[in-house]
C-alpha cells in the first residue's frame, strides 16, 4: 500500500488520506530554525498500516531539507526519533 503524504504549511501539518480515512502530524515553529512536532493522529482504521511512520519520515525529511532543528513534544515522534538513529542528528541540542 503506497502512502502519499502532503505537507500543508498553511495548517502546519503533514497529512494523508487513505481508504477514506486520515492521518496527520501537526507541528509548530517556536523559534527561527526550529520545528516542534506536537501531535500525531491516525484514524483507527489505518492504525498498524505504517501511516504514522510515513508521516514521521516525511516530516523529518522536510526538517532536514530545511535545515531545521527538531523538537518532539509529541510522544510518538519522540519515540520514533529515539528508535531511528538516522534522524537523531536533527534533535535540538538542549
N, C-alpha and C. Protein backbone atom coordinates (compact mmCIF):
# COMPACT_ATOMS: atom_id res chain seq x y z
N UNK A 1 0.85 -1.18 0.00
CA UNK A 1 0.00 0.00 0.00
C UNK A 1 0.89 1.24 0.00
N UNK A 2 0.73 2.06 -1.02
CA UNK A 2 1.51 3.29 -1.12
C UNK A 2 0.82 4.38 -0.30
N UNK A 3 1.61 5.04 0.53
CA UNK A 3 1.09 6.11 1.38
C UNK A 3 1.68 7.42 0.88
N UNK A 4 0.82 8.32 0.43
CA UNK A 4 1.24 9.62 -0.05
C UNK A 4 0.97 10.64 1.05
N UNK A 5 2.01 11.37 1.43
CA UNK A 5 1.90 12.37 2.49
C UNK A 5 2.03 13.76 1.87
N UNK A 6 1.11 14.64 2.23
CA UNK A 6 1.15 16.02 1.76
C UNK A 6 1.57 16.94 2.91
N UNK A 7 2.37 17.93 2.57
CA UNK A 7 2.73 18.97 3.54
C UNK A 7 1.78 20.13 3.31
N UNK A 8 1.13 20.57 4.38
CA UNK A 8 0.22 21.72 4.30
C UNK A 8 0.76 22.81 5.23
N UNK A 9 1.71 23.61 4.74
CA UNK A 9 2.34 24.61 5.60
C UNK A 9 1.37 25.63 6.15
N UNK A 10 0.28 25.92 5.41
CA UNK A 10 -0.69 26.90 5.91
C UNK A 10 -1.40 26.39 7.18
N UNK A 11 -1.47 25.08 7.35
CA UNK A 11 -2.07 24.48 8.55
C UNK A 11 -1.03 23.90 9.51
N UNK A 12 0.22 24.03 9.15
CA UNK A 12 1.34 23.47 9.92
C UNK A 12 1.10 21.99 10.23
N UNK A 13 0.93 21.21 9.15
CA UNK A 13 0.74 19.77 9.33
C UNK A 13 1.11 19.00 8.08
N UNK A 14 1.40 17.73 8.31
CA UNK A 14 1.58 16.76 7.25
C UNK A 14 0.38 15.84 7.34
N UNK A 15 -0.24 15.52 6.19
CA UNK A 15 -1.47 14.74 6.21
C UNK A 15 -1.45 13.66 5.14
N UNK A 16 -2.29 12.66 5.35
CA UNK A 16 -2.54 11.64 4.34
C UNK A 16 -3.98 11.19 4.45
N UNK A 17 -4.54 10.82 3.32
CA UNK A 17 -5.87 10.23 3.29
C UNK A 17 -5.76 8.91 2.54
N UNK A 18 -6.28 7.87 3.16
CA UNK A 18 -6.15 6.52 2.62
C UNK A 18 -7.44 5.78 2.94
N UNK A 19 -8.01 5.15 1.93
CA UNK A 19 -9.23 4.38 2.15
C UNK A 19 -10.31 5.21 2.84
N UNK A 20 -10.34 6.51 2.56
CA UNK A 20 -11.34 7.39 3.15
C UNK A 20 -11.06 7.81 4.58
N UNK A 21 -9.90 7.46 5.11
CA UNK A 21 -9.52 7.81 6.48
C UNK A 21 -8.26 8.66 6.45
N UNK A 22 -7.99 9.35 7.57
CA UNK A 22 -6.89 10.32 7.56
C UNK A 22 -5.87 10.05 8.67
N UNK A 23 -4.71 10.62 8.43
CA UNK A 23 -3.65 10.68 9.43
C UNK A 23 -3.05 12.07 9.35
N UNK A 24 -2.58 12.56 10.49
CA UNK A 24 -1.97 13.89 10.48
C UNK A 24 -0.85 13.99 11.51
N UNK A 25 0.11 14.80 11.18
CA UNK A 25 1.21 15.13 12.08
C UNK A 25 1.30 16.65 12.11
N UNK A 26 0.96 17.22 13.25
CA UNK A 26 0.96 18.68 13.40
C UNK A 26 2.30 19.16 13.95
N UNK A 27 2.62 20.40 13.63
CA UNK A 27 3.86 20.98 14.13
C UNK A 27 3.68 22.46 14.40
N UNK A 28 4.64 23.02 15.13
CA UNK A 28 4.71 24.46 15.32
C UNK A 28 6.14 24.89 15.00
N UNK A 29 6.32 26.18 14.86
CA UNK A 29 7.64 26.75 14.60
C UNK A 29 7.93 27.72 15.75
N UNK A 30 8.39 27.19 16.90
CA UNK A 30 8.52 28.02 18.11
C UNK A 30 9.65 29.04 18.08
N UNK A 31 10.62 28.82 17.21
CA UNK A 31 11.75 29.75 17.11
C UNK A 31 12.34 29.61 15.70
N UNK A 32 13.09 30.60 15.29
CA UNK A 32 13.72 30.53 13.97
C UNK A 32 14.64 29.31 13.91
N UNK A 33 14.47 28.52 12.87
CA UNK A 33 15.33 27.35 12.68
C UNK A 33 14.92 26.14 13.49
N UNK A 34 13.72 26.19 14.10
CA UNK A 34 13.26 25.08 14.95
C UNK A 34 11.85 24.67 14.54
N UNK A 35 11.64 23.36 14.44
CA UNK A 35 10.31 22.81 14.21
C UNK A 35 10.00 21.87 15.38
N UNK A 36 8.80 22.00 15.93
CA UNK A 36 8.37 21.16 17.04
C UNK A 36 7.20 20.32 16.57
N UNK A 37 7.39 19.00 16.54
CA UNK A 37 6.30 18.09 16.17
C UNK A 37 5.45 17.89 17.41
N UNK A 38 4.20 18.34 17.33
CA UNK A 38 3.37 18.47 18.53
C UNK A 38 2.30 17.41 18.69
N UNK A 39 1.86 16.78 17.59
CA UNK A 39 0.73 15.87 17.70
C UNK A 39 0.66 14.96 16.48
N UNK A 40 0.48 13.67 16.73
CA UNK A 40 0.26 12.71 15.65
C UNK A 40 -1.09 12.04 15.88
N UNK A 41 -1.89 11.94 14.83
CA UNK A 41 -3.17 11.24 14.93
C UNK A 41 -3.40 10.43 13.66
N UNK A 42 -3.80 9.16 13.85
CA UNK A 42 -4.15 8.30 12.73
C UNK A 42 -5.51 7.67 13.05
N UNK A 43 -6.44 7.79 12.10
CA UNK A 43 -7.74 7.16 12.29
C UNK A 43 -7.58 5.69 12.64
N UNK A 44 -8.45 5.20 13.48
CA UNK A 44 -8.39 3.83 13.98
C UNK A 44 -8.27 2.81 12.84
N UNK A 45 -8.97 3.05 11.74
CA UNK A 45 -8.99 2.11 10.62
C UNK A 45 -7.63 1.99 9.92
N UNK A 46 -6.76 2.97 10.12
CA UNK A 46 -5.45 2.96 9.44
C UNK A 46 -4.31 2.55 10.37
N UNK A 47 -4.59 2.38 11.62
CA UNK A 47 -3.51 2.05 12.57
C UNK A 47 -2.92 0.69 12.25
N UNK A 48 -1.60 0.61 12.44
CA UNK A 48 -0.89 -0.64 12.16
C UNK A 48 -0.55 -0.84 10.70
N UNK A 49 -0.77 0.18 9.88
CA UNK A 49 -0.51 0.08 8.44
C UNK A 49 0.66 0.94 7.99
N UNK A 50 1.41 1.49 8.94
CA UNK A 50 2.59 2.29 8.59
C UNK A 50 2.31 3.75 8.31
N UNK A 51 1.10 4.21 8.60
CA UNK A 51 0.74 5.59 8.30
C UNK A 51 1.52 6.57 9.18
N UNK A 52 1.58 6.33 10.47
CA UNK A 52 2.31 7.24 11.37
C UNK A 52 3.79 7.29 10.99
N UNK A 53 4.35 6.14 10.63
CA UNK A 53 5.76 6.12 10.22
C UNK A 53 5.97 6.93 8.95
N UNK A 54 5.06 6.81 7.99
CA UNK A 54 5.18 7.59 6.75
C UNK A 54 5.11 9.08 7.03
N UNK A 55 4.19 9.48 7.91
CA UNK A 55 4.09 10.88 8.30
C UNK A 55 5.38 11.35 8.96
N UNK A 56 5.91 10.54 9.87
CA UNK A 56 7.13 10.90 10.61
C UNK A 56 8.31 11.06 9.66
N UNK A 57 8.48 10.11 8.77
CA UNK A 57 9.62 10.18 7.84
C UNK A 57 9.52 11.40 6.92
N UNK A 58 8.33 11.67 6.40
CA UNK A 58 8.16 12.83 5.51
C UNK A 58 8.46 14.12 6.27
N UNK A 59 7.97 14.22 7.50
CA UNK A 59 8.19 15.43 8.30
C UNK A 59 9.66 15.61 8.67
N UNK A 60 10.31 14.53 9.05
CA UNK A 60 11.72 14.62 9.43
C UNK A 60 12.60 14.89 8.21
N UNK A 61 12.24 14.32 7.07
CA UNK A 61 12.98 14.62 5.84
C UNK A 61 12.82 16.10 5.48
N UNK A 62 11.62 16.63 5.68
CA UNK A 62 11.38 18.06 5.45
C UNK A 62 12.28 18.89 6.38
N UNK A 63 12.32 18.53 7.65
CA UNK A 63 13.15 19.26 8.62
C UNK A 63 14.62 19.25 8.17
N UNK A 64 15.09 18.10 7.71
CA UNK A 64 16.48 18.00 7.24
C UNK A 64 16.70 18.90 6.02
N UNK A 65 15.79 18.85 5.06
CA UNK A 65 15.93 19.66 3.84
C UNK A 65 15.94 21.16 4.16
N UNK A 66 15.15 21.56 5.15
CA UNK A 66 15.06 22.96 5.52
C UNK A 66 16.10 23.38 6.56
N UNK A 67 16.94 22.41 6.98
CA UNK A 67 17.99 22.65 7.98
C UNK A 67 17.40 23.14 9.31
N UNK A 68 16.29 22.49 9.72
CA UNK A 68 15.62 22.84 10.97
C UNK A 68 16.04 21.88 12.07
N UNK A 69 16.20 22.41 13.28
CA UNK A 69 16.41 21.57 14.44
C UNK A 69 15.04 21.08 14.90
N UNK A 70 14.99 19.86 15.41
CA UNK A 70 13.73 19.22 15.74
C UNK A 70 13.51 19.14 17.24
N UNK A 71 12.31 19.53 17.65
CA UNK A 71 11.81 19.25 19.00
C UNK A 71 10.69 18.23 18.84
N UNK A 72 10.51 17.39 19.85
CA UNK A 72 9.48 16.35 19.75
C UNK A 72 8.57 16.41 20.98
N UNK A 73 7.64 17.36 20.99
CA UNK A 73 6.65 17.43 22.06
C UNK A 73 5.69 16.25 21.97
N UNK A 74 5.51 15.72 20.77
CA UNK A 74 4.65 14.57 20.54
C UNK A 74 5.35 13.29 21.00
N UNK A 75 4.67 12.52 21.82
CA UNK A 75 5.25 11.29 22.37
C UNK A 75 5.62 10.30 21.26
N UNK A 76 4.76 10.17 20.26
CA UNK A 76 5.07 9.25 19.16
C UNK A 76 6.36 9.67 18.45
N UNK A 77 6.47 10.96 18.14
CA UNK A 77 7.66 11.43 17.44
C UNK A 77 8.92 11.29 18.27
N UNK A 78 8.80 11.52 19.57
CA UNK A 78 9.94 11.35 20.45
C UNK A 78 10.45 9.91 20.37
N UNK A 79 9.54 8.95 20.47
CA UNK A 79 9.92 7.54 20.38
C UNK A 79 10.46 7.17 19.01
N UNK A 80 9.86 7.73 17.96
CA UNK A 80 10.30 7.43 16.60
C UNK A 80 11.74 7.87 16.39
N UNK A 81 12.06 9.08 16.81
CA UNK A 81 13.43 9.59 16.63
C UNK A 81 14.41 8.75 17.46
N UNK A 82 14.03 8.38 18.66
CA UNK A 82 14.90 7.55 19.51
C UNK A 82 15.18 6.20 18.87
N UNK A 83 14.20 5.65 18.15
CA UNK A 83 14.34 4.33 17.53
C UNK A 83 15.01 4.36 16.16
N UNK A 84 15.22 5.55 15.60
CA UNK A 84 15.78 5.67 14.26
C UNK A 84 17.00 6.60 14.30
N UNK A 85 18.18 6.01 14.46
CA UNK A 85 19.41 6.80 14.60
C UNK A 85 19.66 7.76 13.44
N UNK A 86 19.13 7.45 12.26
CA UNK A 86 19.36 8.32 11.10
C UNK A 86 18.73 9.70 11.26
N UNK A 87 17.84 9.87 12.25
CA UNK A 87 17.21 11.17 12.49
C UNK A 87 17.68 11.85 13.77
N UNK A 88 18.48 11.19 14.57
CA UNK A 88 18.85 11.74 15.87
C UNK A 88 19.70 13.00 15.77
N UNK A 89 20.42 13.16 14.66
CA UNK A 89 21.23 14.37 14.50
C UNK A 89 20.37 15.63 14.33
N UNK A 90 19.09 15.46 14.06
CA UNK A 90 18.20 16.60 13.86
C UNK A 90 17.70 17.18 15.18
N UNK A 91 17.77 16.41 16.26
CA UNK A 91 17.22 16.86 17.53
C UNK A 91 17.94 18.09 18.03
N UNK A 92 17.14 19.02 18.51
CA UNK A 92 17.69 20.25 19.05
C UNK A 92 18.52 19.94 20.26
N UNK A 93 19.70 20.53 20.31
CA UNK A 93 20.58 20.33 21.46
C UNK A 93 20.06 21.17 22.63
N UNK A 94 19.98 20.54 23.77
CA UNK A 94 19.46 21.25 24.96
C UNK A 94 20.53 22.10 25.61
